[in-house]
């Protein structure tokens, strides 16, 4: 919500393929998820 102004997000709302976030935002999103979920992701897992 802090990054996508005025867009209601449903579980199936495309956020990357629709252009709501870009590749820079995606990197930040991955870092956020790794931190919050305590995960370390591999590059191959970061897919649409």
ModelCIF file with pLDDT and N, C-alpha, C, O atoms, coordinates in Angstrom:
data_MODEL
#
_entry.id   MODEL 
#
_entity.id                         1 
_entity.type                       polymer 
_entity.pdbx_number_of_molecules   1 
#
_entity_poly.entity_id                      1 
_entity_poly.type                           'polypeptide(L)' 
_entity_poly.nstd_linkage                   no 
_entity_poly.nstd_monomer                   no 
_entity_poly.pdbx_seq_one_letter_code       
;(UNK)(UNK)(UNK)(UNK)(UNK)(UNK)(UNK)(UNK)(UNK)(UNK)(UNK)(UNK)(UNK)(UNK)(UNK)(UNK)
(UNK)(UNK)(UNK)(UNK)(UNK)(UNK)(UNK)(UNK)(UNK)(UNK)(UNK)(UNK)(UNK)(UNK)(UNK)(UNK)
(UNK)(UNK)(UNK)(UNK)(UNK)(UNK)(UNK)(UNK)(UNK)(UNK)(UNK)(UNK)(UNK)(UNK)(UNK)(UNK)
;
_entity_poly.pdbx_seq_one_letter_code_can   XXXXXXXXXXXXXXXXXXXXXXXXXXXXXXXXXXXXXXXXXXXXXXXX 
_entity_poly.pdbx_strand_id                 A 
#
loop_
_entity_poly_seq.entity_id 
_entity_poly_seq.num 
_entity_poly_seq.mon_id 
_entity_poly_seq.hetero 
1 1  UNK n 
1 2  UNK n 
1 3  UNK n 
1 4  UNK n 
1 5  UNK n 
1 6  UNK n 
1 7  UNK n 
1 8  UNK n 
1 9  UNK n 
1 10 UNK n 
1 11 UNK n 
1 12 UNK n 
1 13 UNK n 
1 14 UNK n 
1 15 UNK n 
1 16 UNK n 
1 17 UNK n 
1 18 UNK n 
1 19 UNK n 
1 20 UNK n 
1 21 UNK n 
1 22 UNK n 
1 23 UNK n 
1 24 UNK n 
1 25 UNK n 
1 26 UNK n 
1 27 UNK n 
1 28 UNK n 
1 29 UNK n 
1 30 UNK n 
1 31 UNK n 
1 32 UNK n 
1 33 UNK n 
1 34 UNK n 
1 35 UNK n 
1 36 UNK n 
1 37 UNK n 
1 38 UNK n 
1 39 UNK n 
1 40 UNK n 
1 41 UNK n 
1 42 UNK n 
1 43 UNK n 
1 44 UNK n 
1 45 UNK n 
1 46 UNK n 
1 47 UNK n 
1 48 UNK n 
#
_struct_asym.id          A 
_struct_asym.entity_id   1 
#
loop_
_ma_qa_metric.id 
_ma_qa_metric.mode 
_ma_qa_metric.name 
_ma_qa_metric.software_group_id 
_ma_qa_metric.type 
1 global pLDDT . pLDDT 
2 local  pLDDT . pLDDT 
#
_ma_qa_metric_global.metric_id      1 
_ma_qa_metric_global.metric_value   91.08 
_ma_qa_metric_global.model_id       1 
_ma_qa_metric_global.ordinal_id     1 
#
loop_
_ma_qa_metric_local.label_asym_id 
_ma_qa_metric_local.label_comp_id 
_ma_qa_metric_local.label_seq_id 
_ma_qa_metric_local.metric_id 
_ma_qa_metric_local.metric_value 
_ma_qa_metric_local.model_id 
_ma_qa_metric_local.ordinal_id 
A UNK 1  2 86.00 1 1  
A UNK 2  2 86.00 1 2  
A UNK 3  2 86.00 1 3  
A UNK 4  2 86.00 1 4  
A UNK 5  2 78.00 1 5  
A UNK 6  2 74.00 1 6  
A UNK 7  2 78.00 1 7  
A UNK 8  2 84.00 1 8  
A UNK 9  2 88.00 1 9  
A UNK 10 2 90.00 1 10 
A UNK 11 2 92.00 1 11 
A UNK 12 2 94.00 1 12 
A UNK 13 2 93.00 1 13 
A UNK 14 2 94.00 1 14 
A UNK 15 2 94.00 1 15 
A UNK 16 2 93.00 1 16 
A UNK 17 2 93.00 1 17 
A UNK 18 2 92.00 1 18 
A UNK 19 2 91.00 1 19 
A UNK 20 2 92.00 1 20 
A UNK 21 2 91.00 1 21 
A UNK 22 2 91.00 1 22 
A UNK 23 2 89.00 1 23 
A UNK 24 2 91.00 1 24 
A UNK 25 2 92.00 1 25 
A UNK 26 2 91.00 1 26 
A UNK 27 2 93.00 1 27 
A UNK 28 2 94.00 1 28 
A UNK 29 2 95.00 1 29 
A UNK 30 2 95.00 1 30 
A UNK 31 2 96.00 1 31 
A UNK 32 2 96.00 1 32 
A UNK 33 2 95.00 1 33 
A UNK 34 2 95.00 1 34 
A UNK 35 2 95.00 1 35 
A UNK 36 2 93.00 1 36 
A UNK 37 2 92.00 1 37 
A UNK 38 2 92.00 1 38 
A UNK 39 2 92.00 1 39 
A UNK 40 2 93.00 1 40 
A UNK 41 2 93.00 1 41 
A UNK 42 2 93.00 1 42 
A UNK 43 2 93.00 1 43 
A UNK 44 2 95.00 1 44 
A UNK 45 2 94.00 1 45 
A UNK 46 2 93.00 1 46 
A UNK 47 2 94.00 1 47 
A UNK 48 2 92.00 1 48 
#
loop_
_atom_site.group_PDB 
_atom_site.id 
_atom_site.type_symbol 
_atom_site.label_atom_id 
_atom_site.label_alt_id 
_atom_site.label_comp_id 
_atom_site.label_asym_id 
_atom_site.label_entity_id 
_atom_site.label_seq_id 
_atom_site.pdbx_PDB_ins_code 
_atom_site.Cartn_x 
_atom_site.Cartn_y 
_atom_site.Cartn_z 
_atom_site.occupancy 
_atom_site.B_iso_or_equiv 
_atom_site.pdbx_formal_charge 
_atom_site.auth_seq_id 
_atom_site.auth_comp_id 
_atom_site.auth_asym_id 
_atom_site.auth_atom_id 
_atom_site.pdbx_PDB_model_num 
ATOM 1   N N  . UNK A 1 1  ? 0.832  -1.209  0.000   1.00 86.00 ? 1  UNK A N  1 
ATOM 2   C CA . UNK A 1 1  ? 0.000  0.000   0.000   1.00 86.00 ? 1  UNK A CA 1 
ATOM 3   C C  . UNK A 1 1  ? 0.865  1.256   0.000   1.00 86.00 ? 1  UNK A C  1 
ATOM 4   O O  . UNK A 1 1  ? 0.486  2.271   -0.585  1.00 86.00 ? 1  UNK A O  1 
ATOM 5   N N  . UNK A 1 2  ? 2.015  1.193   0.648   1.00 86.00 ? 2  UNK A N  1 
ATOM 6   C CA . UNK A 1 2  ? 2.932  2.328   0.662   1.00 86.00 ? 2  UNK A CA 1 
ATOM 7   C C  . UNK A 1 2  ? 3.545  2.588   -0.710  1.00 86.00 ? 2  UNK A C  1 
ATOM 8   O O  . UNK A 1 2  ? 4.009  3.695   -0.981  1.00 86.00 ? 2  UNK A O  1 
ATOM 9   N N  . UNK A 1 3  ? 3.549  1.584   -1.570  1.00 86.00 ? 3  UNK A N  1 
ATOM 10  C CA . UNK A 1 3  ? 4.199  1.708   -2.869  1.00 86.00 ? 3  UNK A CA 1 
ATOM 11  C C  . UNK A 1 3  ? 3.230  1.802   -4.044  1.00 86.00 ? 3  UNK A C  1 
ATOM 12  O O  . UNK A 1 3  ? 3.603  2.248   -5.129  1.00 86.00 ? 3  UNK A O  1 
ATOM 13  N N  . UNK A 1 4  ? 1.999  1.384   -3.825  1.00 86.00 ? 4  UNK A N  1 
ATOM 14  C CA . UNK A 1 4  ? 0.997  1.378   -4.891  1.00 86.00 ? 4  UNK A CA 1 
ATOM 15  C C  . UNK A 1 4  ? -0.117 2.332   -4.484  1.00 86.00 ? 4  UNK A C  1 
ATOM 16  O O  . UNK A 1 4  ? -1.004 1.971   -3.712  1.00 86.00 ? 4  UNK A O  1 
ATOM 17  N N  . UNK A 1 5  ? -0.064 3.521   -4.997  1.00 78.00 ? 5  UNK A N  1 
ATOM 18  C CA . UNK A 1 5  ? -1.026 4.546   -4.614  1.00 78.00 ? 5  UNK A CA 1 
ATOM 19  C C  . UNK A 1 5  ? -2.404 4.300   -5.212  1.00 78.00 ? 5  UNK A C  1 
ATOM 20  O O  . UNK A 1 5  ? -2.552 4.148   -6.425  1.00 78.00 ? 5  UNK A O  1 
ATOM 21  N N  . UNK A 1 6  ? -3.409 4.263   -4.344  1.00 74.00 ? 6  UNK A N  1 
ATOM 22  C CA . UNK A 1 6  ? -4.793 4.244   -4.781  1.00 74.00 ? 6  UNK A CA 1 
ATOM 23  C C  . UNK A 1 6  ? -5.293 2.983   -5.458  1.00 74.00 ? 6  UNK A C  1 
ATOM 24  O O  . UNK A 1 6  ? -6.378 2.999   -6.039  1.00 74.00 ? 6  UNK A O  1 
ATOM 25  N N  . UNK A 1 7  ? -4.558 1.913   -5.406  1.00 78.00 ? 7  UNK A N  1 
ATOM 26  C CA . UNK A 1 7  ? -4.987 0.669   -6.042  1.00 78.00 ? 7  UNK A CA 1 
ATOM 27  C C  . UNK A 1 7  ? -5.420 -0.317  -4.972  1.00 78.00 ? 7  UNK A C  1 
ATOM 28  O O  . UNK A 1 7  ? -4.662 -0.639  -4.057  1.00 78.00 ? 7  UNK A O  1 
ATOM 29  N N  . UNK A 1 8  ? -6.653 -0.791  -5.100  1.00 84.00 ? 8  UNK A N  1 
ATOM 30  C CA . UNK A 1 8  ? -7.145 -1.828  -4.194  1.00 84.00 ? 8  UNK A CA 1 
ATOM 31  C C  . UNK A 1 8  ? -6.522 -3.156  -4.593  1.00 84.00 ? 8  UNK A C  1 
ATOM 32  O O  . UNK A 1 8  ? -6.632 -3.579  -5.744  1.00 84.00 ? 8  UNK A O  1 
ATOM 33  N N  . UNK A 1 9  ? -5.882 -3.797  -3.663  1.00 88.00 ? 9  UNK A N  1 
ATOM 34  C CA . UNK A 1 9  ? -5.246 -5.086  -3.966  1.00 88.00 ? 9  UNK A CA 1 
ATOM 35  C C  . UNK A 1 9  ? -6.118 -6.242  -3.511  1.00 88.00 ? 9  UNK A C  1 
ATOM 36  O O  . UNK A 1 9  ? -6.507 -6.333  -2.347  1.00 88.00 ? 9  UNK A O  1 
ATOM 37  N N  . UNK A 1 10 ? -6.408 -7.102  -4.435  1.00 90.00 ? 10 UNK A N  1 
ATOM 38  C CA . UNK A 1 10 ? -7.059 -8.377  -4.145  1.00 90.00 ? 10 UNK A CA 1 
ATOM 39  C C  . UNK A 1 10 ? -5.963 -9.432  -4.206  1.00 90.00 ? 10 UNK A C  1 
ATOM 40  O O  . UNK A 1 10 ? -4.849 -9.144  -4.642  1.00 90.00 ? 10 UNK A O  1 
ATOM 41  N N  . UNK A 1 11 ? -6.268 -10.636 -3.777  1.00 92.00 ? 11 UNK A N  1 
ATOM 42  C CA . UNK A 1 11 ? -5.261 -11.701 -3.807  1.00 92.00 ? 11 UNK A CA 1 
ATOM 43  C C  . UNK A 1 11 ? -4.741 -11.988 -5.211  1.00 92.00 ? 11 UNK A C  1 
ATOM 44  O O  . UNK A 1 11 ? -3.601 -12.425 -5.373  1.00 92.00 ? 11 UNK A O  1 
ATOM 45  N N  . UNK A 1 12 ? -5.568 -11.746 -6.228  1.00 94.00 ? 12 UNK A N  1 
ATOM 46  C CA . UNK A 1 12 ? -5.151 -12.073 -7.598  1.00 94.00 ? 12 UNK A CA 1 
ATOM 47  C C  . UNK A 1 12 ? -4.817 -10.841 -8.449  1.00 94.00 ? 12 UNK A C  1 
ATOM 48  O O  . UNK A 1 12 ? -4.656 -10.967 -9.662  1.00 94.00 ? 12 UNK A O  1 
ATOM 49  N N  . UNK A 1 13 ? -4.711 -9.663  -7.845  1.00 93.00 ? 13 UNK A N  1 
ATOM 50  C CA . UNK A 1 13 ? -4.337 -8.460  -8.584  1.00 93.00 ? 13 UNK A CA 1 
ATOM 51  C C  . UNK A 1 13 ? -2.882 -8.565  -9.031  1.00 93.00 ? 13 UNK A C  1 
ATOM 52  O O  . UNK A 1 13 ? -1.992 -8.683  -8.189  1.00 93.00 ? 13 UNK A O  1 
ATOM 53  N N  . UNK A 1 14 ? -2.622 -8.524  -10.346 1.00 94.00 ? 14 UNK A N  1 
ATOM 54  C CA . UNK A 1 14 ? -1.229 -8.575  -10.803 1.00 94.00 ? 14 UNK A CA 1 
ATOM 55  C C  . UNK A 1 14 ? -0.495 -7.299  -10.375 1.00 94.00 ? 14 UNK A C  1 
ATOM 56  O O  . UNK A 1 14 ? -0.949 -6.195  -10.677 1.00 94.00 ? 14 UNK A O  1 
ATOM 57  N N  . UNK A 1 15 ? 0.603  -7.440  -9.694  1.00 94.00 ? 15 UNK A N  1 
ATOM 58  C CA . UNK A 1 15 ? 1.308  -6.249  -9.221  1.00 94.00 ? 15 UNK A CA 1 
ATOM 59  C C  . UNK A 1 15 ? 2.538  -5.922  -10.065 1.00 94.00 ? 15 UNK A C  1 
ATOM 60  O O  . UNK A 1 15 ? 2.903  -4.754  -10.199 1.00 94.00 ? 15 UNK A O  1 
ATOM 61  N N  . UNK A 1 16 ? 3.165  -6.918  -10.622 1.00 93.00 ? 16 UNK A N  1 
ATOM 62  C CA . UNK A 1 16 ? 4.360  -6.666  -11.437 1.00 93.00 ? 16 UNK A CA 1 
ATOM 63  C C  . UNK A 1 16 ? 4.013  -6.630  -12.923 1.00 93.00 ? 16 UNK A C  1 
ATOM 64  O O  . UNK A 1 16 ? 4.372  -5.682  -13.621 1.00 93.00 ? 16 UNK A O  1 
ATOM 65  N N  . UNK A 1 17 ? 3.324  -7.645  -13.404 1.00 93.00 ? 17 UNK A N  1 
ATOM 66  C CA . UNK A 1 17 ? 3.019  -7.708  -14.839 1.00 93.00 ? 17 UNK A CA 1 
ATOM 67  C C  . UNK A 1 17 ? 2.085  -6.586  -15.283 1.00 93.00 ? 17 UNK A C  1 
ATOM 68  O O  . UNK A 1 17 ? 2.033  -6.262  -16.470 1.00 93.00 ? 17 UNK A O  1 
ATOM 69  N N  . UNK A 1 18 ? 1.343  -5.989  -14.343 1.00 92.00 ? 18 UNK A N  1 
ATOM 70  C CA . UNK A 1 18 ? 0.456  -4.878  -14.684 1.00 92.00 ? 18 UNK A CA 1 
ATOM 71  C C  . UNK A 1 18 ? 1.161  -3.528  -14.594 1.00 92.00 ? 18 UNK A C  1 
ATOM 72  O O  . UNK A 1 18 ? 0.608  -2.504  -14.996 1.00 92.00 ? 18 UNK A O  1 
ATOM 73  N N  . UNK A 1 19 ? 2.381  -3.529  -14.067 1.00 91.00 ? 19 UNK A N  1 
ATOM 74  C CA . UNK A 1 19 ? 3.138  -2.287  -13.952 1.00 91.00 ? 19 UNK A CA 1 
ATOM 75  C C  . UNK A 1 19 ? 2.911  -1.528  -12.657 1.00 91.00 ? 19 UNK A C  1 
ATOM 76  O O  . UNK A 1 19 ? 3.389  -0.403  -12.515 1.00 91.00 ? 19 UNK A O  1 
ATOM 77  N N  . UNK A 1 20 ? 2.187  -2.123  -11.701 1.00 92.00 ? 20 UNK A N  1 
ATOM 78  C CA . UNK A 1 20 ? 1.979  -1.444  -10.419 1.00 92.00 ? 20 UNK A CA 1 
ATOM 79  C C  . UNK A 1 20 ? 3.292  -1.252  -9.663  1.00 92.00 ? 20 UNK A C  1 
ATOM 80  O O  . UNK A 1 20 ? 3.484  -0.249  -8.975  1.00 92.00 ? 20 UNK A O  1 
ATOM 81  N N  . UNK A 1 21 ? 4.187  -2.224  -9.801  1.00 91.00 ? 21 UNK A N  1 
ATOM 82  C CA . UNK A 1 21 ? 5.538  -2.065  -9.264  1.00 91.00 ? 21 UNK A CA 1 
ATOM 83  C C  . UNK A 1 21 ? 6.519  -2.386  -10.383 1.00 91.00 ? 21 UNK A C  1 
ATOM 84  O O  . UNK A 1 21 ? 6.206  -3.134  -11.309 1.00 91.00 ? 21 UNK A O  1 
ATOM 85  N N  . UNK A 1 22 ? 7.714  -1.806  -10.281 1.00 91.00 ? 22 UNK A N  1 
ATOM 86  C CA . UNK A 1 22 ? 8.722  -2.055  -11.309 1.00 91.00 ? 22 UNK A CA 1 
ATOM 87  C C  . UNK A 1 22 ? 9.822  -2.953  -10.746 1.00 91.00 ? 22 UNK A C  1 
ATOM 88  O O  . UNK A 1 22 ? 9.723  -3.447  -9.623  1.00 91.00 ? 22 UNK A O  1 
ATOM 89  N N  . UNK A 1 23 ? 10.855 -3.153  -11.530 1.00 89.00 ? 23 UNK A N  1 
ATOM 90  C CA . UNK A 1 23 ? 11.916 -4.083  -11.123 1.00 89.00 ? 23 UNK A CA 1 
ATOM 91  C C  . UNK A 1 23 ? 12.660 -3.600  -9.882  1.00 89.00 ? 23 UNK A C  1 
ATOM 92  O O  . UNK A 1 23 ? 13.117 -4.419  -9.085  1.00 89.00 ? 23 UNK A O  1 
ATOM 93  N N  . UNK A 1 24 ? 12.789 -2.291  -9.705  1.00 91.00 ? 24 UNK A N  1 
ATOM 94  C CA . UNK A 1 24 ? 13.441 -1.776  -8.495  1.00 91.00 ? 24 UNK A CA 1 
ATOM 95  C C  . UNK A 1 24 ? 12.582 -2.064  -7.271  1.00 91.00 ? 24 UNK A C  1 
ATOM 96  O O  . UNK A 1 24 ? 13.091 -2.456  -6.221  1.00 91.00 ? 24 UNK A O  1 
ATOM 97  N N  . UNK A 1 25 ? 11.271 -1.864  -7.417  1.00 92.00 ? 25 UNK A N  1 
ATOM 98  C CA . UNK A 1 25 ? 10.348 -2.174  -6.324  1.00 92.00 ? 25 UNK A CA 1 
ATOM 99  C C  . UNK A 1 25 ? 10.365 -3.666  -6.015  1.00 92.00 ? 25 UNK A C  1 
ATOM 100 O O  . UNK A 1 25 ? 10.235 -4.067  -4.858  1.00 92.00 ? 25 UNK A O  1 
ATOM 101 N N  . UNK A 1 26 ? 10.525 -4.487  -7.051  1.00 91.00 ? 26 UNK A N  1 
ATOM 102 C CA . UNK A 1 26 ? 10.541 -5.933  -6.852  1.00 91.00 ? 26 UNK A CA 1 
ATOM 103 C C  . UNK A 1 26 ? 11.734 -6.343  -5.987  1.00 91.00 ? 26 UNK A C  1 
ATOM 104 O O  . UNK A 1 26 ? 11.606 -7.200  -5.113  1.00 91.00 ? 26 UNK A O  1 
ATOM 105 N N  . UNK A 1 27 ? 12.871 -5.740  -6.229  1.00 93.00 ? 27 UNK A N  1 
ATOM 106 C CA . UNK A 1 27 ? 14.055 -6.035  -5.412  1.00 93.00 ? 27 UNK A CA 1 
ATOM 107 C C  . UNK A 1 27 ? 13.771 -5.684  -3.953  1.00 93.00 ? 27 UNK A C  1 
ATOM 108 O O  . UNK A 1 27 ? 14.079 -6.463  -3.051  1.00 93.00 ? 27 UNK A O  1 
ATOM 109 N N  . UNK A 1 28 ? 13.183 -4.512  -3.725  1.00 94.00 ? 28 UNK A N  1 
ATOM 110 C CA . UNK A 1 28 ? 12.838 -4.108  -2.353  1.00 94.00 ? 28 UNK A CA 1 
ATOM 111 C C  . UNK A 1 28 ? 11.822 -5.058  -1.738  1.00 94.00 ? 28 UNK A C  1 
ATOM 112 O O  . UNK A 1 28 ? 11.913 -5.397  -0.558  1.00 94.00 ? 28 UNK A O  1 
ATOM 113 N N  . UNK A 1 29 ? 10.850 -5.488  -2.544  1.00 95.00 ? 29 UNK A N  1 
ATOM 114 C CA . UNK A 1 29 ? 9.828  -6.422  -2.065  1.00 95.00 ? 29 UNK A CA 1 
ATOM 115 C C  . UNK A 1 29 ? 10.459 -7.744  -1.635  1.00 95.00 ? 29 UNK A C  1 
ATOM 116 O O  . UNK A 1 29 ? 10.120 -8.286  -0.583  1.00 95.00 ? 29 UNK A O  1 
ATOM 117 N N  . UNK A 1 30 ? 11.364 -8.252  -2.438  1.00 95.00 ? 30 UNK A N  1 
ATOM 118 C CA . UNK A 1 30 ? 12.042 -9.507  -2.101  1.00 95.00 ? 30 UNK A CA 1 
ATOM 119 C C  . UNK A 1 30 ? 12.824 -9.357  -0.796  1.00 95.00 ? 30 UNK A C  1 
ATOM 120 O O  . UNK A 1 30 ? 12.775 -10.240 0.060   1.00 95.00 ? 30 UNK A O  1 
ATOM 121 N N  . UNK A 1 31 ? 13.535 -8.263  -0.642  1.00 96.00 ? 31 UNK A N  1 
ATOM 122 C CA . UNK A 1 31 ? 14.288 -8.024  0.595   1.00 96.00 ? 31 UNK A CA 1 
ATOM 123 C C  . UNK A 1 31 ? 13.351 -7.931  1.796   1.00 96.00 ? 31 UNK A C  1 
ATOM 124 O O  . UNK A 1 31 ? 13.656 -8.458  2.866   1.00 96.00 ? 31 UNK A O  1 
ATOM 125 N N  . UNK A 1 32 ? 12.211 -7.263  1.620   1.00 96.00 ? 32 UNK A N  1 
ATOM 126 C CA . UNK A 1 32 ? 11.217 -7.153  2.687   1.00 96.00 ? 32 UNK A CA 1 
ATOM 127 C C  . UNK A 1 32 ? 10.704 -8.538  3.089   1.00 96.00 ? 32 UNK A C  1 
ATOM 128 O O  . UNK A 1 32 ? 10.629 -8.855  4.276   1.00 96.00 ? 32 UNK A O  1 
ATOM 129 N N  . UNK A 1 33 ? 10.356 -9.353  2.106   1.00 95.00 ? 33 UNK A N  1 
ATOM 130 C CA . UNK A 1 33 ? 9.828  -10.694 2.386   1.00 95.00 ? 33 UNK A CA 1 
ATOM 131 C C  . UNK A 1 33 ? 10.880 -11.553 3.064   1.00 95.00 ? 33 UNK A C  1 
ATOM 132 O O  . UNK A 1 33 ? 10.575 -12.269 4.018   1.00 95.00 ? 33 UNK A O  1 
ATOM 133 N N  . UNK A 1 34 ? 12.117 -11.492 2.583   1.00 95.00 ? 34 UNK A N  1 
ATOM 134 C CA . UNK A 1 34 ? 13.190 -12.266 3.219   1.00 95.00 ? 34 UNK A CA 1 
ATOM 135 C C  . UNK A 1 34 ? 13.317 -11.891 4.698   1.00 95.00 ? 34 UNK A C  1 
ATOM 136 O O  . UNK A 1 34 ? 13.442 -12.760 5.560   1.00 95.00 ? 34 UNK A O  1 
ATOM 137 N N  . UNK A 1 35 ? 13.282 -10.601 4.975   1.00 95.00 ? 35 UNK A N  1 
ATOM 138 C CA . UNK A 1 35 ? 13.430 -10.139 6.353   1.00 95.00 ? 35 UNK A CA 1 
ATOM 139 C C  . UNK A 1 35 ? 12.239 -10.551 7.213   1.00 95.00 ? 35 UNK A C  1 
ATOM 140 O O  . UNK A 1 35 ? 12.415 -11.113 8.294   1.00 95.00 ? 35 UNK A O  1 
ATOM 141 N N  . UNK A 1 36 ? 11.032 -10.273 6.738   1.00 93.00 ? 36 UNK A N  1 
ATOM 142 C CA . UNK A 1 36 ? 9.828  -10.532 7.523   1.00 93.00 ? 36 UNK A CA 1 
ATOM 143 C C  . UNK A 1 36 ? 9.542  -12.018 7.714   1.00 93.00 ? 36 UNK A C  1 
ATOM 144 O O  . UNK A 1 36 ? 9.080  -12.434 8.777   1.00 93.00 ? 36 UNK A O  1 
ATOM 145 N N  . UNK A 1 37 ? 9.819  -12.820 6.681   1.00 92.00 ? 37 UNK A N  1 
ATOM 146 C CA . UNK A 1 37 ? 9.522  -14.249 6.746   1.00 92.00 ? 37 UNK A CA 1 
ATOM 147 C C  . UNK A 1 37 ? 10.720 -15.069 7.199   1.00 92.00 ? 37 UNK A C  1 
ATOM 148 O O  . UNK A 1 37 ? 10.597 -16.270 7.439   1.00 92.00 ? 37 UNK A O  1 
ATOM 149 N N  . UNK A 1 38 ? 11.878 -14.425 7.317   1.00 92.00 ? 38 UNK A N  1 
ATOM 150 C CA . UNK A 1 38 ? 13.070 -15.153 7.724   1.00 92.00 ? 38 UNK A CA 1 
ATOM 151 C C  . UNK A 1 38 ? 13.538 -16.143 6.675   1.00 92.00 ? 38 UNK A C  1 
ATOM 152 O O  . UNK A 1 38 ? 14.034 -17.221 7.001   1.00 92.00 ? 38 UNK A O  1 
ATOM 153 N N  . UNK A 1 39 ? 13.379 -15.770 5.415   1.00 92.00 ? 39 UNK A N  1 
ATOM 154 C CA . UNK A 1 39 ? 13.756 -16.649 4.313   1.00 92.00 ? 39 UNK A CA 1 
ATOM 155 C C  . UNK A 1 39 ? 14.956 -16.084 3.567   1.00 92.00 ? 39 UNK A C  1 
ATOM 156 O O  . UNK A 1 39 ? 15.208 -14.879 3.594   1.00 92.00 ? 39 UNK A O  1 
ATOM 157 N N  . UNK A 1 40 ? 15.682 -16.956 2.909   1.00 93.00 ? 40 UNK A N  1 
ATOM 158 C CA . UNK A 1 40 ? 16.717 -16.534 1.975   1.00 93.00 ? 40 UNK A CA 1 
ATOM 159 C C  . UNK A 1 40 ? 16.342 -17.133 0.631   1.00 93.00 ? 40 UNK A C  1 
ATOM 160 O O  . UNK A 1 40 ? 16.325 -18.353 0.465   1.00 93.00 ? 40 UNK A O  1 
ATOM 161 N N  . UNK A 1 41 ? 16.042 -16.268 -0.324  1.00 93.00 ? 41 UNK A N  1 
ATOM 162 C CA . UNK A 1 41 ? 15.573 -16.741 -1.620  1.00 93.00 ? 41 UNK A CA 1 
ATOM 163 C C  . UNK A 1 41 ? 16.700 -16.828 -2.629  1.00 93.00 ? 41 UNK A C  1 
ATOM 164 O O  . UNK A 1 41 ? 17.673 -16.076 -2.578  1.00 93.00 ? 41 UNK A O  1 
ATOM 165 N N  . UNK A 1 42 ? 16.540 -17.760 -3.540  1.00 93.00 ? 42 UNK A N  1 
ATOM 166 C CA . UNK A 1 42 ? 17.450 -17.914 -4.659  1.00 93.00 ? 42 UNK A CA 1 
ATOM 167 C C  . UNK A 1 42 ? 16.881 -17.133 -5.844  1.00 93.00 ? 42 UNK A C  1 
ATOM 168 O O  . UNK A 1 42 ? 15.667 -16.964 -5.956  1.00 93.00 ? 42 UNK A O  1 
ATOM 169 N N  . UNK A 1 43 ? 17.748 -16.667 -6.712  1.00 93.00 ? 43 UNK A N  1 
ATOM 170 C CA . UNK A 1 43 ? 17.313 -15.882 -7.871  1.00 93.00 ? 43 UNK A CA 1 
ATOM 171 C C  . UNK A 1 43 ? 16.286 -16.646 -8.712  1.00 93.00 ? 43 UNK A C  1 
ATOM 172 O O  . UNK A 1 43 ? 15.350 -16.041 -9.236  1.00 93.00 ? 43 UNK A O  1 
ATOM 173 N N  . UNK A 1 44 ? 16.445 -17.941 -8.844  1.00 95.00 ? 44 UNK A N  1 
ATOM 174 C CA . UNK A 1 44 ? 15.534 -18.747 -9.657  1.00 95.00 ? 44 UNK A CA 1 
ATOM 175 C C  . UNK A 1 44 ? 14.115 -18.784 -9.090  1.00 95.00 ? 44 UNK A C  1 
ATOM 176 O O  . UNK A 1 44 ? 13.172 -19.094 -9.818  1.00 95.00 ? 44 UNK A O  1 
ATOM 177 N N  . UNK A 1 45 ? 13.950 -18.476 -7.817  1.00 94.00 ? 45 UNK A N  1 
ATOM 178 C CA . UNK A 1 45 ? 12.628 -18.486 -7.184  1.00 94.00 ? 45 UNK A CA 1 
ATOM 179 C C  . UNK A 1 45 ? 11.863 -17.186 -7.416  1.00 94.00 ? 45 UNK A C  1 
ATOM 180 O O  . UNK A 1 45 ? 10.651 -17.133 -7.208  1.00 94.00 ? 45 UNK A O  1 
ATOM 181 N N  . UNK A 1 46 ? 12.555 -16.154 -7.840  1.00 93.00 ? 46 UNK A N  1 
ATOM 182 C CA . UNK A 1 46 ? 11.939 -14.837 -8.003  1.00 93.00 ? 46 UNK A CA 1 
ATOM 183 C C  . UNK A 1 46 ? 11.370 -14.756 -9.422  1.00 93.00 ? 46 UNK A C  1 
ATOM 184 O O  . UNK A 1 46 ? 12.006 -14.249 -10.346 1.00 93.00 ? 46 UNK A O  1 
ATOM 185 N N  . UNK A 1 47 ? 10.155 -15.272 -9.554  1.00 94.00 ? 47 UNK A N  1 
ATOM 186 C CA . UNK A 1 47 ? 9.480  -15.353 -10.842 1.00 94.00 ? 47 UNK A CA 1 
ATOM 187 C C  . UNK A 1 47 ? 8.076  -14.768 -10.723 1.00 94.00 ? 47 UNK A C  1 
ATOM 188 O O  . UNK A 1 47 ? 7.576  -14.551 -9.619  1.00 94.00 ? 47 UNK A O  1 
ATOM 189 N N  . UNK A 1 48 ? 7.448  -14.515 -11.867 1.00 92.00 ? 48 UNK A N  1 
ATOM 190 C CA . UNK A 1 48 ? 6.057  -14.064 -11.852 1.00 92.00 ? 48 UNK A CA 1 
ATOM 191 C C  . UNK A 1 48 ? 5.150  -15.114 -11.224 1.00 92.00 ? 48 UNK A C  1 
ATOM 192 O O  . UNK A 1 48 ? 3.941  -14.906 -11.126 1.00 92.00 ? 48 UNK A O  1 
#
